[in-house]
Amino acid sequence: MKQIVDQLKAEIEVWTVNADAQLNKGNKAAGARARKSALAISKLMKDFRKVSVEATK
């Protein structure tokens, strides 16, 4: 579970940097990278939920 949390932290950092670049600088490529990171975050959150539920059983 720690590995998933670490991956989430790293991916959220990537998303933050790219989302800020798109919003503040109008960087279209950063927007694409932010969307890709958002999908990765979504998948990692689902994985975290599965592991978390199993850990509480």
N, C-alpha and C. Protein backbone atom coordinates (compact mmCIF):
# COMPACT_ATOMS: atom_id res chain seq x y z
N MET A 1 0.82 -1.19 0.00
CA MET A 1 0.00 0.00 0.00
C MET A 1 0.87 1.26 0.00
N LYS A 2 2.01 1.20 0.69
CA LYS A 2 2.91 2.36 0.72
C LYS A 2 3.39 2.72 -0.69
N GLN A 3 3.64 1.71 -1.49
CA GLN A 3 4.10 1.96 -2.86
C GLN A 3 3.03 2.72 -3.66
N ILE A 4 1.78 2.35 -3.49
CA ILE A 4 0.70 3.03 -4.20
C ILE A 4 0.60 4.48 -3.74
N VAL A 5 0.72 4.70 -2.44
CA VAL A 5 0.66 6.07 -1.90
C VAL A 5 1.81 6.91 -2.45
N ASP A 6 2.99 6.33 -2.50
CA ASP A 6 4.15 7.06 -3.05
C ASP A 6 3.94 7.39 -4.53
N GLN A 7 3.40 6.44 -5.28
CA GLN A 7 3.11 6.69 -6.69
C GLN A 7 2.07 7.79 -6.84
N LEU A 8 1.05 7.77 -5.99
CA LEU A 8 0.02 8.80 -6.03
C LEU A 8 0.62 10.18 -5.76
N LYS A 9 1.46 10.27 -4.75
CA LYS A 9 2.09 11.55 -4.43
C LYS A 9 2.89 12.08 -5.62
N ALA A 10 3.65 11.20 -6.25
CA ALA A 10 4.48 11.61 -7.39
C ALA A 10 3.59 12.05 -8.57
N GLU A 11 2.54 11.30 -8.82
CA GLU A 11 1.66 11.62 -9.96
C GLU A 11 0.89 12.91 -9.71
N ILE A 12 0.49 13.14 -8.46
CA ILE A 12 -0.21 14.39 -8.13
C ILE A 12 0.72 15.58 -8.32
N GLU A 13 1.99 15.40 -7.99
CA GLU A 13 2.97 16.47 -8.20
C GLU A 13 3.11 16.79 -9.69
N VAL A 14 3.19 15.75 -10.51
CA VAL A 14 3.28 15.92 -11.97
C VAL A 14 2.03 16.65 -12.48
N TRP A 15 0.87 16.22 -12.00
CA TRP A 15 -0.38 16.85 -12.42
C TRP A 15 -0.41 18.32 -12.03
N THR A 16 0.02 18.63 -10.80
CA THR A 16 0.01 20.02 -10.32
C THR A 16 0.88 20.91 -11.19
N VAL A 17 2.08 20.45 -11.49
CA VAL A 17 3.00 21.24 -12.31
C VAL A 17 2.41 21.50 -13.70
N ASN A 18 1.88 20.45 -14.31
CA ASN A 18 1.35 20.59 -15.66
C ASN A 18 0.05 21.38 -15.71
N ALA A 19 -0.82 21.18 -14.72
CA ALA A 19 -2.07 21.95 -14.69
C ALA A 19 -1.78 23.43 -14.50
N ASP A 20 -0.83 23.76 -13.64
CA ASP A 20 -0.44 25.16 -13.45
C ASP A 20 0.14 25.75 -14.73
N ALA A 21 0.95 24.98 -15.43
CA ALA A 21 1.54 25.47 -16.68
C ALA A 21 0.45 25.75 -17.71
N GLN A 22 -0.56 24.92 -17.76
CA GLN A 22 -1.64 25.14 -18.71
C GLN A 22 -2.45 26.38 -18.32
N LEU A 23 -2.78 26.47 -17.03
CA LEU A 23 -3.62 27.59 -16.58
C LEU A 23 -2.90 28.93 -16.66
N ASN A 24 -1.68 28.96 -16.19
CA ASN A 24 -0.97 30.24 -16.07
C ASN A 24 -0.25 30.67 -17.34
N LYS A 25 0.20 29.70 -18.13
CA LYS A 25 0.99 30.04 -19.31
C LYS A 25 0.30 29.69 -20.62
N GLY A 26 -0.84 29.00 -20.54
CA GLY A 26 -1.55 28.61 -21.76
C GLY A 26 -0.83 27.51 -22.53
N ASN A 27 -0.03 26.73 -21.85
CA ASN A 27 0.75 25.67 -22.49
C ASN A 27 -0.16 24.48 -22.81
N LYS A 28 -0.46 24.28 -24.09
CA LYS A 28 -1.38 23.21 -24.49
C LYS A 28 -0.80 21.83 -24.25
N ALA A 29 0.49 21.65 -24.46
CA ALA A 29 1.13 20.35 -24.23
C ALA A 29 1.07 19.98 -22.75
N ALA A 30 1.20 20.97 -21.88
CA ALA A 30 1.09 20.71 -20.45
C ALA A 30 -0.31 20.25 -20.10
N GLY A 31 -1.30 20.76 -20.80
CA GLY A 31 -2.68 20.33 -20.58
C GLY A 31 -2.86 18.86 -20.91
N ALA A 32 -2.25 18.42 -21.99
CA ALA A 32 -2.32 17.01 -22.37
C ALA A 32 -1.63 16.14 -21.32
N ARG A 33 -0.48 16.61 -20.83
CA ARG A 33 0.22 15.86 -19.79
C ARG A 33 -0.59 15.82 -18.49
N ALA A 34 -1.27 16.91 -18.18
CA ALA A 34 -2.10 16.96 -16.97
C ALA A 34 -3.27 15.98 -17.09
N ARG A 35 -3.87 15.91 -18.26
CA ARG A 35 -4.98 14.96 -18.46
C ARG A 35 -4.49 13.52 -18.34
N LYS A 36 -3.32 13.25 -18.88
CA LYS A 36 -2.74 11.91 -18.77
C LYS A 36 -2.47 11.57 -17.30
N SER A 37 -1.95 12.53 -16.55
CA SER A 37 -1.70 12.31 -15.13
C SER A 37 -3.01 12.10 -14.38
N ALA A 38 -4.05 12.81 -14.76
CA ALA A 38 -5.34 12.65 -14.10
C ALA A 38 -5.87 11.23 -14.28
N LEU A 39 -5.68 10.67 -15.46
CA LEU A 39 -6.10 9.29 -15.69
C LEU A 39 -5.28 8.32 -14.85
N ALA A 40 -4.00 8.57 -14.75
CA ALA A 40 -3.13 7.71 -13.94
C ALA A 40 -3.51 7.81 -12.47
N ILE A 41 -3.83 9.02 -12.01
CA ILE A 41 -4.26 9.21 -10.62
C ILE A 41 -5.55 8.44 -10.36
N SER A 42 -6.47 8.50 -11.29
CA SER A 42 -7.73 7.78 -11.16
C SER A 42 -7.50 6.28 -11.00
N LYS A 43 -6.62 5.74 -11.83
CA LYS A 43 -6.32 4.30 -11.75
C LYS A 43 -5.65 3.95 -10.42
N LEU A 44 -4.71 4.79 -10.00
CA LEU A 44 -4.03 4.54 -8.73
C LEU A 44 -4.99 4.63 -7.54
N MET A 45 -5.95 5.54 -7.62
CA MET A 45 -6.93 5.65 -6.55
C MET A 45 -7.79 4.39 -6.46
N LYS A 46 -8.15 3.84 -7.60
CA LYS A 46 -8.91 2.59 -7.60
C LYS A 46 -8.09 1.46 -6.99
N ASP A 47 -6.81 1.40 -7.36
CA ASP A 47 -5.92 0.38 -6.80
C ASP A 47 -5.78 0.56 -5.28
N PHE A 48 -5.64 1.81 -4.86
CA PHE A 48 -5.53 2.10 -3.43
C PHE A 48 -6.78 1.66 -2.69
N ARG A 49 -7.93 1.91 -3.27
CA ARG A 49 -9.18 1.53 -2.63
C ARG A 49 -9.25 0.01 -2.44
N LYS A 50 -8.87 -0.73 -3.48
CA LYS A 50 -8.88 -2.19 -3.38
C LYS A 50 -7.96 -2.68 -2.26
N VAL A 51 -6.75 -2.15 -2.22
CA VAL A 51 -5.78 -2.57 -1.22
C VAL A 51 -6.25 -2.14 0.17
N SER A 52 -6.81 -0.96 0.28
CA SER A 52 -7.27 -0.45 1.56
C SER A 52 -8.40 -1.29 2.12
N VAL A 53 -9.35 -1.68 1.26
CA VAL A 53 -10.46 -2.50 1.69
C VAL A 53 -9.95 -3.87 2.16
N GLU A 54 -9.02 -4.44 1.41
CA GLU A 54 -8.45 -5.73 1.81
C GLU A 54 -7.71 -5.64 3.14
N ALA A 55 -7.05 -4.53 3.38
CA ALA A 55 -6.28 -4.37 4.61
C ALA A 55 -7.18 -4.25 5.83
N THR A 56 -8.39 -3.77 5.65
CA THR A 56 -9.30 -3.60 6.79
C THR A 56 -10.09 -4.85 7.10
N LYS A 57 -10.00 -5.86 6.26
CA LYS A 57 -10.75 -7.10 6.51
C LYS A 57 -10.05 -7.97 7.52
